[in-house]
Amino acid sequence: GGGLVQAGDSLSVSCATSGRTFSSSA
């Protein structure tokens, strides 16, 4: 989700996980 934006804009980045119990992780 990264990219190039202008000042004042909005952007969202995501992180997909696998291989462990995600719900118990900070």
PDB file of all heavy atoms in Angstrom:
ATOM      1  N   GLY A   1       0.772  -1.227   0.000  1.00  0.00           N
ATOM      2  CA  GLY A   1       0.000   0.000   0.000  1.00  0.00           C
ATOM      3  C   GLY A   1       0.805   1.279   0.000  1.00  0.00           C
ATOM      4  O   GLY A   1       0.228   2.376  -0.028  1.00  0.00           O
ATOM      5  N   GLY A   2       2.128   1.178   0.054  1.00  0.00           N
ATOM      6  CA  GLY A   2       2.925   2.393   0.004  1.00  0.00           C
ATOM      7  C   GLY A   2       2.851   3.054  -1.358  1.00  0.00           C
ATOM      8  O   GLY A   2       2.297   2.495  -2.319  1.00  0.00           O
ATOM      9  N   GLY A   3       3.386   4.261  -1.445  1.00  0.00           N
ATOM     10  CA  GLY A   3       3.371   4.959  -2.722  1.00  0.00           C
ATOM     11  C   GLY A   3       3.793   6.388  -2.583  1.00  0.00           C
ATOM     12  O   GLY A   3       4.302   6.816  -1.541  1.00  0.00           O
ATOM     13  N   LEU A   4       3.569   7.139  -3.658  1.00  0.00           N
ATOM     14  CA  LEU A   4       3.916   8.558  -3.721  1.00  0.00           C
ATOM     15  C   LEU A   4       2.638   9.382  -3.639  1.00  0.00           C
ATOM     16  O   LEU A   4       1.714   9.178  -4.440  1.00  0.00           O
ATOM     17  CB  LEU A   4       4.641   8.854  -5.033  1.00  0.00           C
ATOM     18  CG  LEU A   4       4.922  10.319  -5.357  1.00  0.00           C
ATOM     19  CD1 LEU A   4       5.838  10.939  -4.318  1.00  0.00           C
ATOM     20  CD2 LEU A   4       5.507  10.457  -6.758  1.00  0.00           C
ATOM     21  N   VAL A   5       2.591  10.287  -2.669  1.00  0.00           N
ATOM     22  CA  VAL A   5       1.434  11.153  -2.495  1.00  0.00           C
ATOM     23  C   VAL A   5       1.917  12.576  -2.272  1.00  0.00           C
ATOM     24  O   VAL A   5       3.106  12.802  -2.043  1.00  0.00           O
ATOM     25  CB  VAL A   5       0.544  10.709  -1.314  1.00  0.00           C
ATOM     26  CG1 VAL A   5      -0.034   9.325  -1.560  1.00  0.00           C
ATOM     27  CG2 VAL A   5       1.318  10.748  -0.012  1.00  0.00           C
ATOM     28  N   GLN A   6       0.971  13.513  -2.298  1.00  0.00           N
ATOM     29  CA  GLN A   6       1.301  14.903  -2.033  1.00  0.00           C
ATOM     30  C   GLN A   6       1.013  15.238  -0.569  1.00  0.00           C
ATOM     31  O   GLN A   6       0.210  14.573   0.097  1.00  0.00           O
ATOM     32  CB  GLN A   6       0.491  15.816  -2.945  1.00  0.00           C
ATOM     33  CG  GLN A   6       0.861  15.688  -4.417  1.00  0.00           C
ATOM     34  CD  GLN A   6       0.148  16.715  -5.281  1.00  0.00           C
ATOM     35  OE1 GLN A   6      -0.938  17.191  -4.936  1.00  0.00           O
ATOM     36  NE2 GLN A   6       0.754  17.066  -6.407  1.00  0.00           N
ATOM     37  N   ALA A   7       1.656  16.277  -0.103  1.00  0.00           N
ATOM     38  CA  ALA A   7       1.413  16.742   1.263  1.00  0.00           C
ATOM     39  C   ALA A   7      -0.069  17.045   1.449  1.00  0.00           C
ATOM     40  O   ALA A   7      -0.700  17.636   0.567  1.00  0.00           O
ATOM     41  CB  ALA A   7       2.252  17.976   1.545  1.00  0.00           C
ATOM     42  N   GLY A   8      -0.596  16.580   2.584  1.00  0.00           N
ATOM     43  CA  GLY A   8      -2.010  16.762   2.871  1.00  0.00           C
ATOM     44  C   GLY A   8      -2.878  15.589   2.472  1.00  0.00           C
ATOM     45  O   GLY A   8      -4.029  15.480   2.918  1.00  0.00           O
ATOM     46  N   ASP A   9      -2.341  14.708   1.653  1.00  0.00           N
ATOM     47  CA  ASP A   9      -3.096  13.534   1.207  1.00  0.00           C
ATOM     48  C   ASP A   9      -3.157  12.478   2.306  1.00  0.00           C
ATOM     49  O   ASP A   9      -2.480  12.572   3.345  1.00  0.00           O
ATOM     50  CB  ASP A   9      -2.457  12.928  -0.039  1.00  0.00           C
ATOM     51  CG  ASP A   9      -2.738  13.733  -1.284  1.00  0.00           C
ATOM     52  OD1 ASP A   9      -3.541  14.688  -1.212  1.00  0.00           O
ATOM     53  OD2 ASP A   9      -2.141  13.420  -2.331  1.00  0.00           O
ATOM     54  N   SER A  10      -3.956  11.452   2.025  1.00  0.00           N
ATOM     55  CA  SER A  10      -4.073  10.296   2.917  1.00  0.00           C
ATOM     56  C   SER A  10      -3.601   9.043   2.204  1.00  0.00           C
ATOM     57  O   SER A  10      -3.662   8.962   0.971  1.00  0.00           O
ATOM     58  CB  SER A  10      -5.527  10.111   3.378  1.00  0.00           C
ATOM     59  OG  SER A  10      -5.969  11.217   4.118  1.00  0.00           O
ATOM     60  N   LEU A  11      -3.177   8.078   2.991  1.00  0.00           N
ATOM     61  CA  LEU A  11      -2.709   6.813   2.437  1.00  0.00           C
ATOM     62  C   LEU A  11      -2.851   5.748   3.509  1.00  0.00           C
ATOM     63  O   LEU A  11      -2.666   6.027   4.702  1.00  0.00           O
ATOM     64  CB  LEU A  11      -1.242   6.928   2.016  1.00  0.00           C
ATOM     65  CG  LEU A  11      -0.610   5.769   1.264  1.00  0.00           C
ATOM     66  CD1 LEU A  11      -1.223   5.663  -0.134  1.00  0.00           C
ATOM     67  CD2 LEU A  11       0.902   5.970   1.151  1.00  0.00           C
ATOM     68  N   SER A  12      -3.172   4.539   3.099  1.00  0.00           N
ATOM     69  CA  SER A  12      -3.235   3.422   4.028  1.00  0.00           C
ATOM     70  C   SER A  12      -2.240   2.352   3.616  1.00  0.00           C
ATOM     71  O   SER A  12      -2.112   2.059   2.423  1.00  0.00           O
ATOM     72  CB  SER A  12      -4.637   2.813   4.055  1.00  0.00           C
ATOM     73  OG  SER A  12      -5.554   3.681   4.672  1.00  0.00           O
ATOM     74  N   VAL A  13      -1.547   1.817   4.586  1.00  0.00           N
ATOM     75  CA  VAL A  13      -0.674   0.670   4.347  1.00  0.00           C
ATOM     76  C   VAL A  13      -1.196  -0.512   5.156  1.00  0.00           C
ATOM     77  O   VAL A  13      -1.804  -0.327   6.211  1.00  0.00           O
ATOM     78  CB  VAL A  13       0.793   0.974   4.688  1.00  0.00           C
ATOM     79  CG1 VAL A  13       1.379   1.962   3.682  1.00  0.00           C
ATOM     80  CG2 VAL A  13       0.944   1.512   6.097  1.00  0.00           C
ATOM     81  N   SER A  14      -0.957  -1.699   4.627  1.00  0.00           N
ATOM     82  CA  SER A  14      -1.441  -2.921   5.259  1.00  0.00           C
ATOM     83  C   SER A  14      -0.292  -3.880   5.505  1.00  0.00           C
ATOM     84  O   SER A  14       0.743  -3.809   4.845  1.00  0.00           O
ATOM     85  CB  SER A  14      -2.478  -3.603   4.354  1.00  0.00           C
ATOM     86  OG  SER A  14      -3.547  -2.756   4.056  1.00  0.00           O
ATOM     87  N   CYS A  15      -0.519  -4.785   6.432  1.00  0.00           N
ATOM     88  CA  CYS A  15       0.478  -5.811   6.726  1.00  0.00           C
ATOM     89  C   CYS A  15      -0.255  -7.126   6.943  1.00  0.00           C
ATOM     90  O   CYS A  15      -0.989  -7.283   7.926  1.00  0.00           O
ATOM     91  CB  CYS A  15       1.276  -5.433   7.962  1.00  0.00           C
ATOM     92  SG  CYS A  15       2.403  -6.705   8.553  1.00  0.00           S
ATOM     93  N   ALA A  16      -0.061  -8.042   6.026  1.00  0.00           N
ATOM     94  CA  ALA A  16      -0.682  -9.360   6.125  1.00  0.00           C
ATOM     95  C   ALA A  16       0.297 -10.325   6.795  1.00  0.00           C
ATOM     96  O   ALA A  16       1.482 -10.342   6.457  1.00  0.00           O
ATOM     97  CB  ALA A  16      -1.045  -9.869   4.740  1.00  0.00           C
ATOM     98  N   THR A  17      -0.199 -11.092   7.742  1.00  0.00           N
ATOM     99  CA  THR A  17       0.681 -11.999   8.477  1.00  0.00           C
ATOM    100  C   THR A  17       0.264 -13.455   8.270  1.00  0.00           C
ATOM    101  O   THR A  17      -0.900 -13.739   7.972  1.00  0.00           O
ATOM    102  CB  THR A  17       0.646 -11.694   9.979  1.00  0.00           C
ATOM    103  OG1 THR A  17      -0.608 -12.099  10.511  1.00  0.00           O
ATOM    104  CG2 THR A  17       0.841 -10.205  10.240  1.00  0.00           C
ATOM    105  N   SER A  18       1.201 -14.331   8.467  1.00  0.00           N
ATOM    106  CA  SER A  18       0.918 -15.764   8.370  1.00  0.00           C
ATOM    107  C   SER A  18       1.919 -16.511   9.233  1.00  0.00           C
ATOM    108  O   SER A  18       2.979 -15.998   9.571  1.00  0.00           O
ATOM    109  CB  SER A  18       1.016 -16.250   6.925  1.00  0.00           C
ATOM    110  OG  SER A  18       2.321 -16.059   6.429  1.00  0.00           O
ATOM    111  N   GLY A  19       1.560 -17.709   9.611  1.00  0.00           N
ATOM    112  CA  GLY A  19       2.513 -18.574  10.287  1.00  0.00           C
ATOM    113  C   GLY A  19       2.449 -18.598  11.793  1.00  0.00           C
ATOM    114  O   GLY A  19       3.211 -19.290  12.410  1.00  0.00           O
ATOM    115  N   ARG A  20       1.564 -17.828  12.410  1.00  0.00           N
ATOM    116  CA  ARG A  20       1.420 -17.877  13.851  1.00  0.00           C
ATOM    117  C   ARG A  20       0.038 -17.366  14.228  1.00  0.00           C
ATOM    118  O   ARG A  20      -0.725 -16.944  13.381  1.00  0.00           O
ATOM    119  CB  ARG A  20       2.491 -17.080  14.560  1.00  0.00           C
ATOM    120  CG  ARG A  20       2.418 -15.583  14.329  1.00  0.00           C
ATOM    121  CD  ARG A  20       3.340 -14.837  15.266  1.00  0.00           C
ATOM    122  NE  ARG A  20       2.768 -14.744  16.598  1.00  0.00           N
ATOM    123  CZ  ARG A  20       3.249 -15.390  17.626  1.00  0.00           C
ATOM    124  NH1 ARG A  20       4.270 -16.199  17.489  1.00  0.00           N
ATOM    125  NH2 ARG A  20       2.712 -15.255  18.821  1.00  0.00           N
ATOM    126  N   THR A  21      -0.251 -17.395  15.517  1.00  0.00           N
ATOM    127  CA  THR A  21      -1.537 -16.924  15.993  1.00  0.00           C
ATOM    128  C   THR A  21      -1.526 -15.408  16.048  1.00  0.00           C
ATOM    129  O   THR A  21      -1.030 -14.807  16.988  1.00  0.00           O
ATOM    130  CB  THR A  21      -1.866 -17.514  17.372  1.00  0.00           C
ATOM    131  OG1 THR A  21      -1.789 -18.926  17.300  1.00  0.00           O
ATOM    132  CG2 THR A  21      -3.263 -17.095  17.805  1.00  0.00           C
ATOM    133  N   PHE A  22      -2.090 -14.798  15.037  1.00  0.00           N
ATOM    134  CA  PHE A  22      -2.057 -13.348  14.910  1.00  0.00           C
ATOM    135  C   PHE A  22      -2.776 -12.682  16.063  1.00  0.00           C
ATOM    136  O   PHE A  22      -2.317 -11.651  16.569  1.00  0.00           O
ATOM    137  CB  PHE A  22      -2.710 -12.965  13.580  1.00  0.00           C
ATOM    138  CG  PHE A  22      -2.854 -11.488  13.362  1.00  0.00           C
ATOM    139  CD1 PHE A  22      -1.751 -10.727  13.000  1.00  0.00           C
ATOM    140  CD2 PHE A  22      -4.082 -10.863  13.498  1.00  0.00           C
ATOM    141  CE1 PHE A  22      -1.877  -9.365  12.772  1.00  0.00           C
ATOM    142  CE2 PHE A  22      -4.220  -9.510  13.286  1.00  0.00           C
ATOM    143  CZ  PHE A  22      -3.114  -8.759  12.919  1.00  0.00           C
ATOM    144  N   SER A  23      -3.860 -13.268  16.509  1.00  0.00           N
ATOM    145  CA  SER A  23      -4.690 -12.617  17.517  1.00  0.00           C
ATOM    146  C   SER A  23      -3.996 -12.496  18.871  1.00  0.00           C
ATOM    147  O   SER A  23      -4.462 -11.748  19.728  1.00  0.00           O
ATOM    148  CB  SER A  23      -6.003 -13.381  17.679  1.00  0.00           C
ATOM    149  OG  SER A  23      -5.753 -14.716  18.085  1.00  0.00           O
ATOM    150  N   SER A  24      -2.911 -13.202  19.103  1.00  0.00           N
ATOM    151  CA  SER A  24      -2.185 -13.116  20.373  1.00  0.00           C
ATOM    152  C   SER A  24      -0.954 -12.222  20.273  1.00  0.00           C
ATOM    153  O   SER A  24      -0.219 -12.071  21.251  1.00  0.00           O
ATOM    154  CB  SER A  24      -1.768 -14.498  20.845  1.00  0.00           C
ATOM    155  OG  SER A  24      -0.842 -15.077  19.943  1.00  0.00           O
ATOM    156  N   SER A  25      -0.740 -11.630  19.114  1.00  0.00           N
ATOM    157  CA  SER A  25       0.450 -10.817  18.875  1.00  0.00           C
ATOM    158  C   SER A  25       0.163  -9.339  19.020  1.00  0.00           C
ATOM    159  O   SER A  25      -0.824  -8.836  18.474  1.00  0.00           O
ATOM    160  CB  SER A  25       0.987 -11.059  17.464  1.00  0.00           C
ATOM    161  OG  SER A  25       1.387 -12.401  17.290  1.00  0.00           O
ATOM    162  N   ALA A  26       1.044  -8.637  19.726  1.00  0.00           N
ATOM    163  CA  ALA A  26       1.048  -7.182  19.638  1.00  0.00           C
ATOM    164  C   ALA A  26       1.662  -6.811  18.300  1.00  0.00           C
ATOM    165  O   ALA A  26       2.583  -7.483  17.812  1.00  0.00           O
ATOM    166  CB  ALA A  26       1.856  -6.582  20.769  1.00  0.00           C
TER     167      ALA A  26
END
